[in-house]
Amino acid sequence: MWTEQDNAFCNTFRFKDFKVAFSFMSDVAEEAEFQNHHPWWSNEYNTVSFRLRTHDAGNTITDKDRKLAAAVDTLAAEYGGEEVI
């Protein structure tokens, strides 16, 4: 579940292992490039965390962030990712 924290849309996903997490990140990178909207994210072993916000809109959450979040959710499901609460 994406949450709003400090003017950002945030979520964290856990995967089977590092290789799966990295493959997921590669696909997210392709989608982010396609949408021309790039996330702040981090990876630690099998865990990938996101902070989405739109620079052009004063670092607030916009529809661009929600659209990328929806694509991330779809990809996470394809890779067997589980949200970390």
N, C-alpha and C. Protein backbone atom coordinates (compact mmCIF):
# COMPACT_ATOMS: atom_id res chain seq x y z
N MET A 1 0.84 -1.18 0.00
CA MET A 1 0.00 0.00 0.00
C MET A 1 0.88 1.24 0.00
N TRP A 2 0.68 2.08 -0.95
CA TRP A 2 1.42 3.32 -1.04
C TRP A 2 0.92 4.29 0.02
N THR A 3 1.84 4.94 0.70
CA THR A 3 1.49 5.91 1.73
C THR A 3 2.11 7.25 1.39
N GLU A 4 1.52 8.31 1.92
CA GLU A 4 2.07 9.65 1.75
C GLU A 4 2.91 9.99 2.97
N GLN A 5 4.18 10.31 2.72
CA GLN A 5 5.10 10.70 3.79
C GLN A 5 5.96 11.85 3.29
N ASP A 6 5.96 12.96 3.99
CA ASP A 6 6.81 14.10 3.64
C ASP A 6 6.69 14.48 2.17
N ASN A 7 5.48 14.69 1.72
CA ASN A 7 5.21 15.08 0.33
C ASN A 7 5.74 14.07 -0.69
N ALA A 8 5.73 12.80 -0.35
CA ALA A 8 6.15 11.76 -1.29
C ALA A 8 5.23 10.56 -1.15
N PHE A 9 5.08 9.83 -2.23
CA PHE A 9 4.30 8.60 -2.29
C PHE A 9 5.30 7.46 -2.07
N CYS A 10 5.15 6.68 -1.01
CA CYS A 10 6.18 5.72 -0.60
C CYS A 10 5.65 4.29 -0.52
N ASN A 11 6.55 3.35 -0.83
CA ASN A 11 6.23 1.94 -0.69
C ASN A 11 7.53 1.14 -0.70
N THR A 12 7.48 -0.04 -0.12
CA THR A 12 8.63 -0.94 -0.08
C THR A 12 8.16 -2.34 -0.43
N PHE A 13 8.96 -3.02 -1.27
CA PHE A 13 8.64 -4.37 -1.71
C PHE A 13 9.79 -5.31 -1.37
N ARG A 14 9.44 -6.53 -1.02
CA ARG A 14 10.44 -7.58 -0.74
C ARG A 14 10.25 -8.71 -1.75
N PHE A 15 11.38 -9.22 -2.25
CA PHE A 15 11.38 -10.26 -3.27
C PHE A 15 12.12 -11.50 -2.77
N LYS A 16 12.09 -12.55 -3.57
CA LYS A 16 12.70 -13.83 -3.20
C LYS A 16 14.18 -13.67 -2.86
N ASP A 17 14.91 -12.91 -3.68
CA ASP A 17 16.34 -12.74 -3.46
C ASP A 17 16.82 -11.50 -4.22
N PHE A 18 18.11 -11.24 -4.15
CA PHE A 18 18.68 -10.05 -4.79
C PHE A 18 18.48 -10.06 -6.30
N LYS A 19 18.68 -11.21 -6.92
CA LYS A 19 18.56 -11.30 -8.37
C LYS A 19 17.17 -10.91 -8.85
N VAL A 20 16.15 -11.37 -8.16
CA VAL A 20 14.77 -11.04 -8.54
C VAL A 20 14.51 -9.55 -8.29
N ALA A 21 14.99 -9.03 -7.17
CA ALA A 21 14.81 -7.61 -6.87
C ALA A 21 15.48 -6.75 -7.93
N PHE A 22 16.67 -7.14 -8.35
CA PHE A 22 17.40 -6.37 -9.35
C PHE A 22 16.71 -6.45 -10.71
N SER A 23 16.20 -7.60 -11.07
CA SER A 23 15.46 -7.73 -12.33
C SER A 23 14.22 -6.85 -12.31
N PHE A 24 13.51 -6.84 -11.19
CA PHE A 24 12.35 -5.95 -11.01
C PHE A 24 12.77 -4.50 -11.21
N MET A 25 13.88 -4.10 -10.59
CA MET A 25 14.35 -2.73 -10.71
C MET A 25 14.67 -2.38 -12.16
N SER A 26 15.23 -3.32 -12.89
CA SER A 26 15.54 -3.08 -14.30
C SER A 26 14.28 -2.80 -15.10
N ASP A 27 13.23 -3.57 -14.84
CA ASP A 27 11.96 -3.33 -15.54
C ASP A 27 11.31 -2.02 -15.11
N VAL A 28 11.41 -1.69 -13.83
CA VAL A 28 10.89 -0.39 -13.36
C VAL A 28 11.65 0.75 -14.04
N ALA A 29 12.97 0.59 -14.19
CA ALA A 29 13.76 1.63 -14.85
C ALA A 29 13.29 1.86 -16.28
N GLU A 30 12.98 0.77 -16.98
CA GLU A 30 12.46 0.89 -18.35
C GLU A 30 11.13 1.65 -18.36
N GLU A 31 10.25 1.29 -17.44
CA GLU A 31 8.94 1.96 -17.37
C GLU A 31 9.10 3.43 -16.98
N ALA A 32 9.97 3.71 -16.03
CA ALA A 32 10.20 5.09 -15.60
C ALA A 32 10.73 5.93 -16.76
N GLU A 33 11.62 5.35 -17.52
CA GLU A 33 12.16 6.06 -18.69
C GLU A 33 11.05 6.30 -19.71
N PHE A 34 10.22 5.30 -19.94
CA PHE A 34 9.09 5.44 -20.87
C PHE A 34 8.16 6.56 -20.43
N GLN A 35 7.88 6.62 -19.12
CA GLN A 35 6.99 7.65 -18.59
C GLN A 35 7.71 8.99 -18.38
N ASN A 36 9.02 9.00 -18.52
CA ASN A 36 9.83 10.18 -18.24
C ASN A 36 9.56 10.70 -16.83
N HIS A 37 9.53 9.77 -15.89
CA HIS A 37 9.28 10.10 -14.49
C HIS A 37 10.09 9.11 -13.64
N HIS A 38 11.11 9.61 -13.01
CA HIS A 38 12.10 8.73 -12.39
C HIS A 38 12.01 8.77 -10.87
N PRO A 39 12.02 7.59 -10.25
CA PRO A 39 11.82 7.50 -8.79
C PRO A 39 13.10 7.75 -8.00
N TRP A 40 12.89 8.14 -6.75
CA TRP A 40 13.94 8.00 -5.74
C TRP A 40 13.72 6.60 -5.22
N TRP A 41 14.75 5.78 -5.24
CA TRP A 41 14.59 4.42 -4.76
C TRP A 41 15.89 3.92 -4.19
N SER A 42 15.76 2.85 -3.42
CA SER A 42 16.94 2.21 -2.86
C SER A 42 16.72 0.70 -2.86
N ASN A 43 17.83 -0.01 -2.82
CA ASN A 43 17.79 -1.46 -2.83
C ASN A 43 18.75 -1.98 -1.77
N GLU A 44 18.26 -2.89 -0.94
CA GLU A 44 19.11 -3.60 0.01
C GLU A 44 18.75 -5.07 -0.09
N TYR A 45 19.65 -5.84 -0.63
CA TYR A 45 19.50 -7.26 -0.90
C TYR A 45 18.20 -7.53 -1.66
N ASN A 46 17.16 -8.01 -1.00
CA ASN A 46 15.92 -8.38 -1.70
C ASN A 46 14.81 -7.36 -1.51
N THR A 47 15.14 -6.18 -1.03
CA THR A 47 14.15 -5.16 -0.70
C THR A 47 14.38 -3.90 -1.53
N VAL A 48 13.29 -3.37 -2.11
CA VAL A 48 13.35 -2.16 -2.92
C VAL A 48 12.35 -1.16 -2.35
N SER A 49 12.82 0.04 -2.03
CA SER A 49 11.97 1.09 -1.47
C SER A 49 11.86 2.25 -2.45
N PHE A 50 10.68 2.85 -2.49
CA PHE A 50 10.39 3.95 -3.41
C PHE A 50 9.90 5.18 -2.66
N ARG A 51 10.28 6.35 -3.20
CA ARG A 51 9.72 7.65 -2.81
C ARG A 51 9.43 8.38 -4.12
N LEU A 52 8.17 8.58 -4.41
CA LEU A 52 7.77 9.24 -5.65
C LEU A 52 7.22 10.63 -5.33
N ARG A 53 7.70 11.61 -6.07
CA ARG A 53 7.14 12.95 -6.04
C ARG A 53 7.61 13.67 -7.29
N THR A 54 6.89 14.69 -7.69
CA THR A 54 7.14 15.36 -8.95
C THR A 54 7.91 16.65 -8.74
N HIS A 55 9.13 16.68 -9.25
CA HIS A 55 9.98 17.87 -9.11
C HIS A 55 9.32 19.10 -9.73
N ASP A 56 8.77 18.92 -10.93
CA ASP A 56 8.20 20.04 -11.69
C ASP A 56 6.99 20.66 -11.00
N ALA A 57 6.41 19.96 -10.03
CA ALA A 57 5.22 20.46 -9.34
C ALA A 57 5.57 20.86 -7.90
N GLY A 58 6.82 21.24 -7.68
CA GLY A 58 7.22 21.68 -6.34
C GLY A 58 7.43 20.54 -5.37
N ASN A 59 7.86 19.38 -5.89
CA ASN A 59 8.10 18.20 -5.05
C ASN A 59 6.86 17.78 -4.28
N THR A 60 5.75 17.73 -5.00
CA THR A 60 4.50 17.23 -4.42
C THR A 60 4.07 15.98 -5.19
N ILE A 61 3.07 15.31 -4.67
CA ILE A 61 2.53 14.11 -5.32
C ILE A 61 1.54 14.53 -6.39
N THR A 62 1.72 13.97 -7.59
CA THR A 62 0.82 14.29 -8.70
C THR A 62 0.34 12.99 -9.35
N ASP A 63 -0.47 13.16 -10.40
CA ASP A 63 -0.95 11.99 -11.15
C ASP A 63 0.21 11.22 -11.78
N LYS A 64 1.32 11.90 -12.10
CA LYS A 64 2.49 11.21 -12.64
C LYS A 64 3.00 10.18 -11.64
N ASP A 65 2.98 10.54 -10.36
CA ASP A 65 3.44 9.62 -9.32
C ASP A 65 2.48 8.44 -9.18
N ARG A 66 1.20 8.73 -9.23
CA ARG A 66 0.21 7.66 -9.11
C ARG A 66 0.29 6.70 -10.30
N LYS A 67 0.54 7.23 -11.49
CA LYS A 67 0.66 6.40 -12.69
C LYS A 67 1.89 5.49 -12.58
N LEU A 68 3.02 6.05 -12.14
CA LEU A 68 4.21 5.23 -11.99
C LEU A 68 4.02 4.21 -10.88
N ALA A 69 3.37 4.60 -9.78
CA ALA A 69 3.11 3.67 -8.68
C ALA A 69 2.27 2.49 -9.16
N ALA A 70 1.28 2.75 -10.00
CA ALA A 70 0.44 1.66 -10.53
C ALA A 70 1.28 0.71 -11.38
N ALA A 71 2.19 1.24 -12.18
CA ALA A 71 3.06 0.39 -12.99
C ALA A 71 4.00 -0.41 -12.10
N VAL A 72 4.52 0.21 -11.04
CA VAL A 72 5.39 -0.50 -10.09
C VAL A 72 4.63 -1.64 -9.44
N ASP A 73 3.39 -1.39 -9.04
CA ASP A 73 2.57 -2.44 -8.43
C ASP A 73 2.39 -3.63 -9.37
N THR A 74 2.12 -3.35 -10.64
CA THR A 74 1.94 -4.41 -11.62
C THR A 74 3.22 -5.23 -11.77
N LEU A 75 4.35 -4.54 -11.89
CA LEU A 75 5.62 -5.24 -12.04
C LEU A 75 5.98 -6.03 -10.77
N ALA A 76 5.72 -5.45 -9.61
CA ALA A 76 6.02 -6.15 -8.36
C ALA A 76 5.22 -7.44 -8.28
N ALA A 77 3.97 -7.41 -8.69
CA ALA A 77 3.15 -8.62 -8.68
C ALA A 77 3.71 -9.66 -9.64
N GLU A 78 4.17 -9.22 -10.81
CA GLU A 78 4.74 -10.15 -11.79
C GLU A 78 6.00 -10.83 -11.25
N TYR A 79 6.75 -10.11 -10.41
CA TYR A 79 7.99 -10.65 -9.86
C TYR A 79 7.80 -11.31 -8.49
N GLY A 80 6.56 -11.42 -8.03
CA GLY A 80 6.28 -12.07 -6.76
C GLY A 80 6.65 -11.21 -5.55
N GLY A 81 6.69 -9.91 -5.75
CA GLY A 81 7.03 -9.00 -4.65
C GLY A 81 5.91 -8.87 -3.65
N GLU A 82 6.29 -8.72 -2.39
CA GLU A 82 5.33 -8.50 -1.32
C GLU A 82 5.61 -7.13 -0.71
N GLU A 83 4.54 -6.39 -0.46
CA GLU A 83 4.71 -5.10 0.19
C GLU A 83 5.17 -5.29 1.63
N VAL A 84 6.08 -4.43 2.04
CA VAL A 84 6.56 -4.45 3.42
C VAL A 84 5.81 -3.36 4.17
N ILE A 85 5.15 -3.77 5.23
CA ILE A 85 4.34 -2.79 5.99
C ILE A 85 5.13 -2.30 7.18
